N, C-alpha and C. Protein backbone atom coordinates (compact mmCIF):
# COMPACT_ATOMS: atom_id res chain seq x y z
N UNK A 1 119.74 79.69 70.61
CA UNK A 1 121.16 79.89 70.78
C UNK A 1 121.42 80.20 72.24
N UNK A 2 122.52 79.75 72.74
CA UNK A 2 122.85 79.95 74.15
C UNK A 2 123.90 81.04 74.29
N UNK A 3 123.75 81.86 75.30
CA UNK A 3 124.74 82.88 75.65
C UNK A 3 125.19 82.62 77.07
N UNK A 4 126.48 82.61 77.27
CA UNK A 4 127.06 82.47 78.59
C UNK A 4 127.66 83.82 78.95
N UNK A 5 127.27 84.36 80.09
CA UNK A 5 127.83 85.62 80.56
C UNK A 5 128.79 85.30 81.69
N UNK A 6 130.01 85.73 81.56
CA UNK A 6 131.00 85.57 82.62
C UNK A 6 131.45 86.96 83.04
N UNK A 7 131.53 87.16 84.34
CA UNK A 7 132.00 88.43 84.89
C UNK A 7 133.44 88.27 85.33
N UNK A 8 134.30 89.15 84.86
CA UNK A 8 135.70 89.11 85.25
C UNK A 8 136.32 90.47 84.97
N UNK A 9 137.14 90.97 85.90
CA UNK A 9 137.86 92.20 85.59
C UNK A 9 138.74 91.96 84.37
N UNK A 10 139.07 93.00 83.63
CA UNK A 10 139.86 92.82 82.40
C UNK A 10 141.10 91.96 82.58
N UNK A 11 141.79 92.08 83.70
CA UNK A 11 143.01 91.30 83.91
C UNK A 11 142.74 89.80 84.03
N UNK A 12 141.51 89.41 84.40
CA UNK A 12 141.18 88.00 84.59
C UNK A 12 140.38 87.41 83.43
N UNK A 13 140.10 88.20 82.40
CA UNK A 13 139.26 87.70 81.32
C UNK A 13 139.93 86.59 80.51
N UNK A 14 141.24 86.62 80.36
CA UNK A 14 141.92 85.55 79.62
C UNK A 14 141.74 84.22 80.35
N UNK A 15 141.84 84.22 81.67
CA UNK A 15 141.64 83.00 82.45
C UNK A 15 140.21 82.49 82.30
N UNK A 16 139.22 83.39 82.29
CA UNK A 16 137.82 83.00 82.08
C UNK A 16 137.64 82.39 80.70
N UNK A 17 138.23 83.01 79.69
CA UNK A 17 138.14 82.49 78.32
C UNK A 17 138.79 81.12 78.22
N UNK A 18 139.99 80.97 78.78
CA UNK A 18 140.68 79.68 78.72
C UNK A 18 139.87 78.58 79.40
N UNK A 19 139.28 78.89 80.56
CA UNK A 19 138.47 77.91 81.26
C UNK A 19 137.23 77.52 80.47
N UNK A 20 136.60 78.49 79.82
CA UNK A 20 135.41 78.22 79.03
C UNK A 20 135.75 77.37 77.81
N UNK A 21 136.88 77.68 77.17
CA UNK A 21 137.29 76.93 75.98
C UNK A 21 137.83 75.54 76.31
N UNK A 22 138.18 75.29 77.56
CA UNK A 22 138.74 73.99 77.95
C UNK A 22 137.70 72.88 77.94
N UNK A 23 136.43 73.24 78.00
CA UNK A 23 135.41 72.20 78.01
C UNK A 23 135.19 71.67 76.59
N UNK A 24 134.69 70.46 76.44
CA UNK A 24 134.46 69.92 75.10
C UNK A 24 133.27 70.60 74.42
N UNK A 25 133.44 70.97 73.17
CA UNK A 25 132.37 71.62 72.42
C UNK A 25 131.71 70.69 71.41
N UNK A 26 132.35 69.60 71.05
CA UNK A 26 131.77 68.60 70.16
C UNK A 26 131.14 69.21 68.92
N UNK A 27 131.89 70.01 68.20
CA UNK A 27 131.40 70.60 66.95
C UNK A 27 130.56 71.84 67.11
N UNK A 28 130.34 72.30 68.32
CA UNK A 28 129.57 73.51 68.55
C UNK A 28 130.37 74.72 68.08
N UNK A 29 129.74 75.59 67.32
CA UNK A 29 130.39 76.82 66.86
C UNK A 29 130.23 77.88 67.94
N UNK A 30 131.33 78.56 68.27
CA UNK A 30 131.30 79.54 69.35
C UNK A 30 131.87 80.88 68.88
N UNK A 31 131.45 81.94 69.57
CA UNK A 31 131.96 83.29 69.38
C UNK A 31 132.19 83.87 70.76
N UNK A 32 133.24 84.66 70.91
CA UNK A 32 133.53 85.34 72.17
C UNK A 32 133.40 86.84 71.96
N UNK A 33 132.61 87.49 72.79
CA UNK A 33 132.48 88.95 72.79
C UNK A 33 133.01 89.43 74.13
N UNK A 34 133.98 90.33 74.08
CA UNK A 34 134.61 90.77 75.32
C UNK A 34 134.63 92.28 75.42
N UNK A 35 134.51 92.75 76.66
CA UNK A 35 134.46 94.19 76.88
C UNK A 35 135.66 94.70 77.67
N UNK A 36 136.69 93.91 77.77
CA UNK A 36 137.87 94.33 78.52
C UNK A 36 138.80 95.20 77.70
N UNK A 37 139.80 95.71 78.36
CA UNK A 37 140.79 96.54 77.69
C UNK A 37 142.07 95.77 77.38
N UNK A 38 142.13 94.52 77.85
CA UNK A 38 143.31 93.69 77.62
C UNK A 38 143.06 92.84 76.38
N UNK A 39 144.05 92.71 75.50
CA UNK A 39 143.85 91.84 74.34
C UNK A 39 143.78 90.37 74.77
N UNK A 40 142.85 89.63 74.20
CA UNK A 40 142.68 88.22 74.52
C UNK A 40 143.23 87.36 73.40
N UNK A 41 143.69 86.17 73.77
CA UNK A 41 144.18 85.20 72.79
C UNK A 41 143.23 84.02 72.77
N UNK A 42 142.83 83.63 71.56
CA UNK A 42 141.94 82.49 71.39
C UNK A 42 142.44 81.68 70.20
N UNK A 43 142.09 80.40 70.15
CA UNK A 43 142.46 79.62 68.98
C UNK A 43 141.91 80.27 67.70
N UNK A 44 142.55 80.00 66.58
CA UNK A 44 142.18 80.62 65.32
C UNK A 44 140.75 80.36 64.88
N UNK A 45 140.16 79.27 65.34
CA UNK A 45 138.79 78.95 64.92
C UNK A 45 137.72 79.54 65.84
N UNK A 46 138.14 80.35 66.82
CA UNK A 46 137.20 80.99 67.74
C UNK A 46 137.22 82.50 67.48
N UNK A 47 136.18 83.02 66.84
CA UNK A 47 136.13 84.46 66.57
C UNK A 47 136.00 85.28 67.86
N UNK A 48 136.74 86.38 67.92
CA UNK A 48 136.67 87.32 69.03
C UNK A 48 136.03 88.61 68.54
N UNK A 49 135.01 89.06 69.24
CA UNK A 49 134.37 90.35 68.93
C UNK A 49 134.65 91.28 70.10
N UNK A 50 135.18 92.44 69.80
CA UNK A 50 135.53 93.40 70.85
C UNK A 50 134.42 94.42 71.00
N UNK A 51 133.96 94.61 72.23
CA UNK A 51 132.93 95.58 72.54
C UNK A 51 133.55 96.91 72.94
N UNK A 52 132.82 97.98 72.74
CA UNK A 52 133.30 99.30 73.14
C UNK A 52 133.43 99.35 74.66
N UNK A 53 134.45 100.06 75.17
CA UNK A 53 134.58 100.20 76.61
C UNK A 53 133.40 100.94 77.20
N UNK A 54 133.12 100.66 78.45
CA UNK A 54 132.00 101.30 79.13
C UNK A 54 130.90 100.31 79.39
N UNK A 55 129.87 100.76 80.04
CA UNK A 55 128.74 99.90 80.38
C UNK A 55 128.03 99.47 79.10
N UNK A 56 127.91 98.17 78.88
CA UNK A 56 127.33 97.66 77.64
C UNK A 56 125.84 97.87 77.53
N UNK A 57 125.18 98.20 78.62
CA UNK A 57 123.73 98.42 78.51
C UNK A 57 123.36 99.90 78.56
N UNK A 58 124.30 100.75 78.88
CA UNK A 58 124.02 102.19 78.92
C UNK A 58 124.66 102.85 77.70
N UNK A 59 125.90 103.29 77.84
CA UNK A 59 126.60 103.95 76.73
C UNK A 59 126.96 102.98 75.62
N UNK A 60 127.03 101.69 75.93
CA UNK A 60 127.47 100.71 74.94
C UNK A 60 126.37 99.83 74.39
N UNK A 61 125.10 100.20 74.59
CA UNK A 61 124.03 99.31 74.13
C UNK A 61 124.00 99.19 72.61
N UNK A 62 124.16 100.28 71.90
CA UNK A 62 124.16 100.21 70.44
C UNK A 62 125.37 99.41 69.95
N UNK A 63 126.59 99.68 70.45
CA UNK A 63 127.72 98.84 70.01
C UNK A 63 127.53 97.36 70.38
N UNK A 64 126.92 97.07 71.53
CA UNK A 64 126.66 95.67 71.89
C UNK A 64 125.72 95.04 70.88
N UNK A 65 124.64 95.72 70.56
CA UNK A 65 123.69 95.20 69.57
C UNK A 65 124.36 94.97 68.23
N UNK A 66 125.13 95.95 67.76
CA UNK A 66 125.78 95.84 66.46
C UNK A 66 126.81 94.71 66.46
N UNK A 67 127.63 94.65 67.50
CA UNK A 67 128.68 93.63 67.58
C UNK A 67 128.09 92.22 67.62
N UNK A 68 127.11 92.01 68.47
CA UNK A 68 126.52 90.67 68.56
C UNK A 68 125.76 90.29 67.29
N UNK A 69 125.04 91.24 66.71
CA UNK A 69 124.32 90.96 65.47
C UNK A 69 125.29 90.58 64.35
N UNK A 70 126.36 91.33 64.21
CA UNK A 70 127.37 91.01 63.18
C UNK A 70 128.01 89.65 63.43
N UNK A 71 128.35 89.37 64.69
CA UNK A 71 128.99 88.09 65.01
C UNK A 71 128.05 86.93 64.72
N UNK A 72 126.79 87.07 65.07
CA UNK A 72 125.82 85.99 64.83
C UNK A 72 125.61 85.79 63.33
N UNK A 73 125.48 86.87 62.59
CA UNK A 73 125.30 86.74 61.14
C UNK A 73 126.52 86.16 60.45
N UNK A 74 127.71 86.59 60.86
CA UNK A 74 128.94 86.16 60.19
C UNK A 74 129.34 84.74 60.53
N UNK A 75 129.13 84.33 61.77
CA UNK A 75 129.68 83.05 62.22
C UNK A 75 128.63 82.00 62.54
N UNK A 76 127.36 82.38 62.63
CA UNK A 76 126.28 81.44 62.95
C UNK A 76 126.64 80.53 64.14
N UNK A 77 127.01 81.15 65.27
CA UNK A 77 127.44 80.33 66.41
C UNK A 77 126.27 79.63 67.08
N UNK A 78 126.59 78.54 67.75
CA UNK A 78 125.61 77.85 68.59
C UNK A 78 125.64 78.44 70.00
N UNK A 79 126.78 79.03 70.34
CA UNK A 79 126.96 79.57 71.69
C UNK A 79 127.85 80.81 71.63
N UNK A 80 127.52 81.78 72.48
CA UNK A 80 128.29 83.03 72.58
C UNK A 80 128.74 83.19 74.02
N UNK A 81 130.01 83.50 74.21
CA UNK A 81 130.53 83.86 75.53
C UNK A 81 130.65 85.37 75.56
N UNK A 82 129.99 85.98 76.52
CA UNK A 82 130.04 87.43 76.69
C UNK A 82 130.80 87.71 77.98
N UNK A 83 131.99 88.27 77.85
CA UNK A 83 132.83 88.60 79.01
C UNK A 83 132.60 90.06 79.39
N UNK A 84 132.12 90.27 80.60
CA UNK A 84 131.86 91.61 81.11
C UNK A 84 132.77 91.90 82.28
N UNK A 85 133.20 93.16 82.39
CA UNK A 85 134.11 93.55 83.45
C UNK A 85 133.40 93.72 84.79
N UNK A 86 132.14 94.07 84.78
CA UNK A 86 131.40 94.30 86.03
C UNK A 86 129.99 93.75 85.91
N UNK A 87 129.35 93.61 87.06
CA UNK A 87 127.97 93.14 87.10
C UNK A 87 126.98 94.30 87.05
N UNK A 88 127.47 95.52 86.81
CA UNK A 88 126.58 96.67 86.72
C UNK A 88 125.53 96.42 85.65
N UNK A 89 124.29 96.56 86.03
CA UNK A 89 123.17 96.45 85.11
C UNK A 89 123.05 95.07 84.45
N UNK A 90 123.55 94.04 85.12
CA UNK A 90 123.47 92.69 84.56
C UNK A 90 122.05 92.27 84.20
N UNK A 91 121.03 92.60 85.02
CA UNK A 91 119.66 92.24 84.61
C UNK A 91 119.25 92.87 83.28
N UNK A 92 119.70 94.10 83.01
CA UNK A 92 119.37 94.74 81.73
C UNK A 92 120.08 94.06 80.57
N UNK A 93 121.33 93.64 80.77
CA UNK A 93 122.07 92.93 79.72
C UNK A 93 121.38 91.59 79.45
N UNK A 94 121.03 90.87 80.50
CA UNK A 94 120.33 89.59 80.36
C UNK A 94 119.02 89.77 79.59
N UNK A 95 118.24 90.81 79.95
CA UNK A 95 116.96 91.07 79.28
C UNK A 95 117.16 91.37 77.80
N UNK A 96 118.19 92.13 77.47
CA UNK A 96 118.49 92.45 76.08
C UNK A 96 118.77 91.19 75.28
N UNK A 97 119.53 90.27 75.87
CA UNK A 97 119.86 89.03 75.16
C UNK A 97 118.65 88.12 75.01
N UNK A 98 117.77 88.13 75.99
CA UNK A 98 116.63 87.21 75.99
C UNK A 98 115.40 87.72 75.25
N UNK A 99 115.32 89.03 74.96
CA UNK A 99 114.07 89.56 74.40
C UNK A 99 113.92 89.39 72.89
N UNK A 100 114.96 88.93 72.20
CA UNK A 100 114.85 88.69 70.77
C UNK A 100 115.05 89.91 69.90
N UNK A 101 115.34 91.06 70.49
CA UNK A 101 115.49 92.28 69.70
C UNK A 101 116.77 92.28 68.86
N UNK A 102 117.65 91.36 69.09
CA UNK A 102 118.87 91.26 68.29
C UNK A 102 118.67 90.39 67.05
N UNK A 103 117.45 89.93 66.85
CA UNK A 103 117.17 89.06 65.72
C UNK A 103 117.30 87.60 66.07
N UNK A 104 117.78 87.33 67.25
CA UNK A 104 117.88 85.96 67.76
C UNK A 104 117.64 86.02 69.26
N UNK A 105 116.98 85.01 69.78
CA UNK A 105 116.71 84.96 71.21
C UNK A 105 117.77 84.05 71.85
N UNK A 106 118.47 84.61 72.82
CA UNK A 106 119.50 83.86 73.52
C UNK A 106 118.92 83.22 74.78
N UNK A 107 119.37 82.01 75.08
CA UNK A 107 119.13 81.40 76.38
C UNK A 107 120.35 81.75 77.21
N UNK A 108 120.18 82.55 78.24
CA UNK A 108 121.31 83.04 79.02
C UNK A 108 121.53 82.15 80.23
N UNK A 109 122.79 81.72 80.40
CA UNK A 109 123.13 80.95 81.60
C UNK A 109 124.08 81.74 82.45
């Protein structure tokens, strides 16, 4: 499964989501997990998972694990877009996604 990490301040996350969704998916199932404080709008067939505010690898590591695990189990996506507000600890977030501890190993781009 592929995970795309996009960095954007909360005010710019809708533009990042719109740009990501504008590309052709050709039947690929997708899920969006976002950590911003602004509500995002997505088409009805694109599930949105909201992450707890704060650093997703420090105070939010457990909520990140729970949210992504639930989203993967519920929707069986081929690709996940993870919208983060900052690049703080990005290597740790990447390692968490790639190590398989979530029950699935992500290819992070």
